[in-house]
């Protein structure tokens, strides 16, 4: 079996990959909460907070700085945009029904699959087709970003307590 060497991420796209790390951490926290049989509304509250303070801005940056550079009929762009819409719909459903355990599980699965798609397919494709000038413009825009991933949340339901 051939072992694939990891592709080096272009510095212009690294910040997006770092965002994905924190979103995958969200997926892990969700699954830990479900495994520990934490009250679903507690998990939903955290998911919604994370979405409202972090993930929605990540989606906007991707759509503005990356996806918009692709033709509107590009299949990878269409998939990424559709998955963003689906995640937003799942979040809205949790806002309306924070007790929906199946909805929480579904969101975790969709989010993880989406991130894997972007990391393994879309970002590799973008690195290949973007010009140096396009990559430089993305890097410049991301350097100007002021938000970080410091989410203040006192209810750390994913941590084991005795």
C-alpha atoms as a PDB file:
ATOM      1  CA  UNK A   1       0.000   0.000   0.000  1.00  0.00           C
ATOM      2  CA  UNK A   2       1.375   3.378  -1.022  1.00  0.00           C
ATOM      3  CA  UNK A   3       1.565   5.948   1.730  1.00  0.00           C
ATOM      4  CA  UNK A   4       0.629   9.401   0.485  1.00  0.00           C
ATOM      5  CA  UNK A   5       2.886  12.198   1.605  1.00  0.00           C
ATOM      6  CA  UNK A   6       0.868  15.078   3.071  1.00  0.00           C
ATOM      7  CA  UNK A   7       0.579  18.066   0.804  1.00  0.00           C
ATOM      8  CA  UNK A   8       2.125  21.193   2.223  1.00  0.00           C
ATOM      9  CA  UNK A   9      -0.565  23.800   2.763  1.00  0.00           C
ATOM     10  CA  UNK A  10       0.087  27.125   1.077  1.00  0.00           C
ATOM     11  CA  UNK A  11       0.580  29.851   3.730  1.00  0.00           C
ATOM     12  CA  UNK A  12      -2.341  31.791   2.239  1.00  0.00           C
ATOM     13  CA  UNK A  13      -4.690  28.945   3.163  1.00  0.00           C
ATOM     14  CA  UNK A  14      -3.122  27.888   6.471  1.00  0.00           C
ATOM     15  CA  UNK A  15      -5.463  30.059   8.554  1.00  0.00           C
ATOM     16  CA  UNK A  16      -8.468  28.281   7.053  1.00  0.00           C
ATOM     17  CA  UNK A  17      -6.917  24.941   8.001  1.00  0.00           C
ATOM     18  CA  UNK A  18      -6.309  26.205  11.536  1.00  0.00           C
ATOM     19  CA  UNK A  19      -9.978  27.188  11.714  1.00  0.00           C
ATOM     20  CA  UNK A  20     -10.819  23.643  10.682  1.00  0.00           C
ATOM     21  CA  UNK A  21      -8.791  22.315  13.598  1.00  0.00           C
ATOM     22  CA  UNK A  22     -11.047  24.229  15.999  1.00  0.00           C
ATOM     23  CA  UNK A  23     -14.183  23.096  14.183  1.00  0.00           C
ATOM     24  CA  UNK A  24     -13.000  19.472  14.449  1.00  0.00           C
ATOM     25  CA  UNK A  25     -12.446  20.124  18.140  1.00  0.00           C
ATOM     26  CA  UNK A  26     -16.107  21.214  18.273  1.00  0.00           C
ATOM     27  CA  UNK A  27     -17.066  17.882  16.682  1.00  0.00           C
ATOM     28  CA  UNK A  28     -15.010  16.063  19.331  1.00  0.00           C
ATOM     29  CA  UNK A  29     -16.659  18.059  22.141  1.00  0.00           C
ATOM     30  CA  UNK A  30     -20.110  17.252  20.756  1.00  0.00           C
ATOM     31  CA  UNK A  31     -19.317  13.552  20.610  1.00  0.00           C
ATOM     32  CA  UNK A  32     -17.817  13.586  24.117  1.00  0.00           C
ATOM     33  CA  UNK A  33     -20.947  15.273  25.437  1.00  0.00           C
ATOM     34  CA  UNK A  34     -23.187  12.734  23.754  1.00  0.00           C
ATOM     35  CA  UNK A  35     -21.042   9.837  24.987  1.00  0.00           C
ATOM     36  CA  UNK A  36     -21.295  11.191  28.549  1.00  0.00           C
ATOM     37  CA  UNK A  37     -25.070  11.569  28.092  1.00  0.00           C
ATOM     38  CA  UNK A  38     -24.922  15.293  28.793  1.00  0.00           C
ATOM     39  CA  UNK A  39     -28.218  17.155  28.565  1.00  0.00           C
ATOM     40  CA  UNK A  40     -28.624  17.925  24.858  1.00  0.00           C
ATOM     41  CA  UNK A  41     -29.624  21.544  25.421  1.00  0.00           C
ATOM     42  CA  UNK A  42     -26.209  22.172  27.041  1.00  0.00           C
ATOM     43  CA  UNK A  43     -24.476  20.783  23.969  1.00  0.00           C
ATOM     44  CA  UNK A  44     -26.763  22.707  21.621  1.00  0.00           C
ATOM     45  CA  UNK A  45     -26.099  25.955  23.460  1.00  0.00           C
ATOM     46  CA  UNK A  46     -22.367  25.520  22.970  1.00  0.00           C
ATOM     47  CA  UNK A  47     -22.759  24.577  19.291  1.00  0.00           C
ATOM     48  CA  UNK A  48     -24.872  27.664  18.617  1.00  0.00           C
ATOM     49  CA  UNK A  49     -22.454  29.901  20.502  1.00  0.00           C
ATOM     50  CA  UNK A  50     -19.491  28.484  18.562  1.00  0.00           C
ATOM     51  CA  UNK A  51     -21.347  28.961  15.288  1.00  0.00           C
ATOM     52  CA  UNK A  52     -22.368  32.549  16.081  1.00  0.00           C
ATOM     53  CA  UNK A  53     -18.944  33.646  17.335  1.00  0.00           C
ATOM     54  CA  UNK A  54     -16.642  31.705  15.026  1.00  0.00           C
ATOM     55  CA  UNK A  55     -17.917  29.358  12.351  1.00  0.00           C
ATOM     56  CA  UNK A  56     -20.242  31.799  10.564  1.00  0.00           C
ATOM     57  CA  UNK A  57     -17.320  34.175  10.033  1.00  0.00           C
ATOM     58  CA  UNK A  58     -15.146  31.333   8.763  1.00  0.00           C
ATOM     59  CA  UNK A  59     -17.846  30.450   6.215  1.00  0.00           C
ATOM     60  CA  UNK A  60     -18.057  34.070   5.071  1.00  0.00           C
ATOM     61  CA  UNK A  61     -14.270  34.291   4.663  1.00  0.00           C
ATOM     62  CA  UNK A  62     -14.148  31.078   2.658  1.00  0.00           C
ATOM     63  CA  UNK A  63     -17.015  32.139   0.429  1.00  0.00           C
ATOM     64  CA  UNK A  64     -15.614  35.628  -0.140  1.00  0.00           C
ATOM     65  CA  UNK A  65     -11.891  34.960  -0.399  1.00  0.00           C
ATOM     66  CA  UNK A  66     -11.802  31.459  -1.866  1.00  0.00           C
ATOM     67  CA  UNK A  67     -15.007  30.185  -3.427  1.00  0.00           C
ATOM     68  CA  UNK A  68     -15.823  33.420  -5.232  1.00  0.00           C
ATOM     69  CA  UNK A  69     -12.610  33.045  -7.268  1.00  0.00           C
ATOM     70  CA  UNK A  70     -13.984  29.873  -8.839  1.00  0.00           C
ATOM     71  CA  UNK A  71     -16.555  29.820 -11.642  1.00  0.00           C
ATOM     72  CA  UNK A  72     -20.094  29.747 -10.253  1.00  0.00           C
ATOM     73  CA  UNK A  73     -20.663  26.309 -11.811  1.00  0.00           C
ATOM     74  CA  UNK A  74     -17.482  24.739 -10.425  1.00  0.00           C
ATOM     75  CA  UNK A  75     -18.504  21.444  -8.800  1.00  0.00           C
ATOM     76  CA  UNK A  76     -16.193  21.801  -5.788  1.00  0.00           C
ATOM     77  CA  UNK A  77     -17.459  25.334  -5.161  1.00  0.00           C
ATOM     78  CA  UNK A  78     -21.059  24.186  -5.463  1.00  0.00           C
ATOM     79  CA  UNK A  79     -20.466  21.322  -3.029  1.00  0.00           C
ATOM     80  CA  UNK A  80     -18.777  23.574  -0.465  1.00  0.00           C
ATOM     81  CA  UNK A  81     -21.509  26.223  -0.703  1.00  0.00           C
ATOM     82  CA  UNK A  82     -24.264  23.611  -0.420  1.00  0.00           C
ATOM     83  CA  UNK A  83     -22.602  22.098   2.626  1.00  0.00           C
ATOM     84  CA  UNK A  84     -22.367  25.548   4.245  1.00  0.00           C
ATOM     85  CA  UNK A  85     -26.108  25.979   3.662  1.00  0.00           C
ATOM     86  CA  UNK A  86     -26.822  22.537   5.099  1.00  0.00           C
ATOM     87  CA  UNK A  87     -24.772  23.265   8.231  1.00  0.00           C
ATOM     88  CA  UNK A  88     -26.609  26.578   8.676  1.00  0.00           C
ATOM     89  CA  UNK A  89     -29.945  24.746   8.365  1.00  0.00           C
ATOM     90  CA  UNK A  90     -28.849  22.224  10.996  1.00  0.00           C
ATOM     91  CA  UNK A  91     -27.865  25.085  13.318  1.00  0.00           C
ATOM     92  CA  UNK A  92     -31.261  26.753  12.784  1.00  0.00           C
ATOM     93  CA  UNK A  93     -32.972  23.443  13.570  1.00  0.00           C
ATOM     94  CA  UNK A  94     -31.006  23.228  16.847  1.00  0.00           C
ATOM     95  CA  UNK A  95     -32.035  26.785  17.704  1.00  0.00           C
ATOM     96  CA  UNK A  96     -35.657  25.656  17.366  1.00  0.00           C
ATOM     97  CA  UNK A  97     -35.173  22.284  19.058  1.00  0.00           C
ATOM     98  CA  UNK A  98     -32.074  22.198  21.292  1.00  0.00           C
ATOM     99  CA  UNK A  99     -33.130  18.810  22.709  1.00  0.00           C
ATOM    100  CA  UNK A 100     -32.761  17.061  19.328  1.00  0.00           C
ATOM    101  CA  UNK A 101     -30.021  14.480  19.972  1.00  0.00           C
ATOM    102  CA  UNK A 102     -30.258  13.100  16.430  1.00  0.00           C
ATOM    103  CA  UNK A 103     -29.884  16.635  15.059  1.00  0.00           C
ATOM    104  CA  UNK A 104     -26.767  17.168  17.169  1.00  0.00           C
ATOM    105  CA  UNK A 105     -25.259  13.875  15.982  1.00  0.00           C
ATOM    106  CA  UNK A 106     -26.170  14.732  12.406  1.00  0.00           C
ATOM    107  CA  UNK A 107     -24.538  18.160  12.654  1.00  0.00           C
ATOM    108  CA  UNK A 108     -21.312  16.649  14.022  1.00  0.00           C
ATOM    109  CA  UNK A 109     -21.189  14.155  11.142  1.00  0.00           C
ATOM    110  CA  UNK A 110     -21.962  16.752   8.462  1.00  0.00           C
ATOM    111  CA  UNK A 111     -19.416  19.212   9.846  1.00  0.00           C
ATOM    112  CA  UNK A 112     -16.649  16.610  10.036  1.00  0.00           C
ATOM    113  CA  UNK A 113     -17.356  15.365   6.505  1.00  0.00           C
ATOM    114  CA  UNK A 114     -17.401  18.947   5.208  1.00  0.00           C
ATOM    115  CA  UNK A 115     -14.064  19.806   6.797  1.00  0.00           C
ATOM    116  CA  UNK A 116     -12.451  16.625   5.435  1.00  0.00           C
ATOM    117  CA  UNK A 117     -13.746  17.507   1.954  1.00  0.00           C
ATOM    118  CA  UNK A 118     -12.329  21.020   2.098  1.00  0.00           C
ATOM    119  CA  UNK A 119      -8.970  19.878   3.481  1.00  0.00           C
ATOM    120  CA  UNK A 120      -8.473  16.868   1.206  1.00  0.00           C
ATOM    121  CA  UNK A 121     -10.023  18.084  -2.021  1.00  0.00           C
ATOM    122  CA  UNK A 122     -11.034  21.725  -2.248  1.00  0.00           C
ATOM    123  CA  UNK A 123      -7.983  23.362  -0.670  1.00  0.00           C
ATOM    124  CA  UNK A 124      -5.588  21.164  -2.638  1.00  0.00           C
ATOM    125  CA  UNK A 125      -7.405  22.148  -5.819  1.00  0.00           C
ATOM    126  CA  UNK A 126      -7.319  25.853  -4.926  1.00  0.00           C
ATOM    127  CA  UNK A 127      -3.582  25.708  -4.252  1.00  0.00           C
ATOM    128  CA  UNK A 128      -3.044  24.238  -7.703  1.00  0.00           C
ATOM    129  CA  UNK A 129      -5.168  26.684  -9.682  1.00  0.00           C
ATOM    130  CA  UNK A 130      -4.780  30.004  -7.849  1.00  0.00           C
ATOM    131  CA  UNK A 131      -2.113  32.328  -9.178  1.00  0.00           C
ATOM    132  CA  UNK A 132       0.574  33.678  -6.870  1.00  0.00           C
ATOM    133  CA  UNK A 133      -1.219  37.047  -6.942  1.00  0.00           C
ATOM    134  CA  UNK A 134      -4.515  35.444  -5.898  1.00  0.00           C
ATOM    135  CA  UNK A 135      -2.813  33.550  -3.072  1.00  0.00           C
ATOM    136  CA  UNK A 136      -1.035  36.741  -1.962  1.00  0.00           C
ATOM    137  CA  UNK A 137      -4.366  38.595  -1.852  1.00  0.00           C
ATOM    138  CA  UNK A 138      -5.899  35.827   0.296  1.00  0.00           C
ATOM    139  CA  UNK A 139      -2.880  35.867   2.621  1.00  0.00           C
ATOM    140  CA  UNK A 140      -3.099  39.648   2.976  1.00  0.00           C
ATOM    141  CA  UNK A 141      -6.804  39.523   3.792  1.00  0.00           C
ATOM    142  CA  UNK A 142      -6.243  36.802   6.380  1.00  0.00           C
ATOM    143  CA  UNK A 143      -3.387  38.714   8.016  1.00  0.00           C
ATOM    144  CA  UNK A 144      -5.802  41.578   8.628  1.00  0.00           C
ATOM    145  CA  UNK A 145      -8.203  39.261  10.466  1.00  0.00           C
ATOM    146  CA  UNK A 146      -8.738  40.222  14.084  1.00  0.00           C
ATOM    147  CA  UNK A 147     -10.759  37.355  15.531  1.00  0.00           C
ATOM    148  CA  UNK A 148      -9.277  34.376  17.279  1.00  0.00           C
ATOM    149  CA  UNK A 149     -10.637  31.111  18.604  1.00  0.00           C
ATOM    150  CA  UNK A 150     -10.747  32.070  22.269  1.00  0.00           C
ATOM    151  CA  UNK A 151     -14.281  31.102  23.142  1.00  0.00           C
ATOM    152  CA  UNK A 152     -15.222  31.821  26.713  1.00  0.00           C
ATOM    153  CA  UNK A 153     -17.559  29.067  27.846  1.00  0.00           C
ATOM    154  CA  UNK A 154     -17.980  28.075  31.473  1.00  0.00           C
ATOM    155  CA  UNK A 155     -20.009  24.897  30.908  1.00  0.00           C
ATOM    156  CA  UNK A 156     -17.242  22.570  29.701  1.00  0.00           C
ATOM    157  CA  UNK A 157     -19.544  19.553  29.441  1.00  0.00           C
ATOM    158  CA  UNK A 158     -16.948  17.587  27.451  1.00  0.00           C
ATOM    159  CA  UNK A 159     -14.537  17.414  30.405  1.00  0.00           C
ATOM    160  CA  UNK A 160     -14.784  14.536  32.816  1.00  0.00           C
ATOM    161  CA  UNK A 161     -15.680  15.729  36.305  1.00  0.00           C
ATOM    162  CA  UNK A 162     -15.789  13.633  39.445  1.00  0.00           C
END
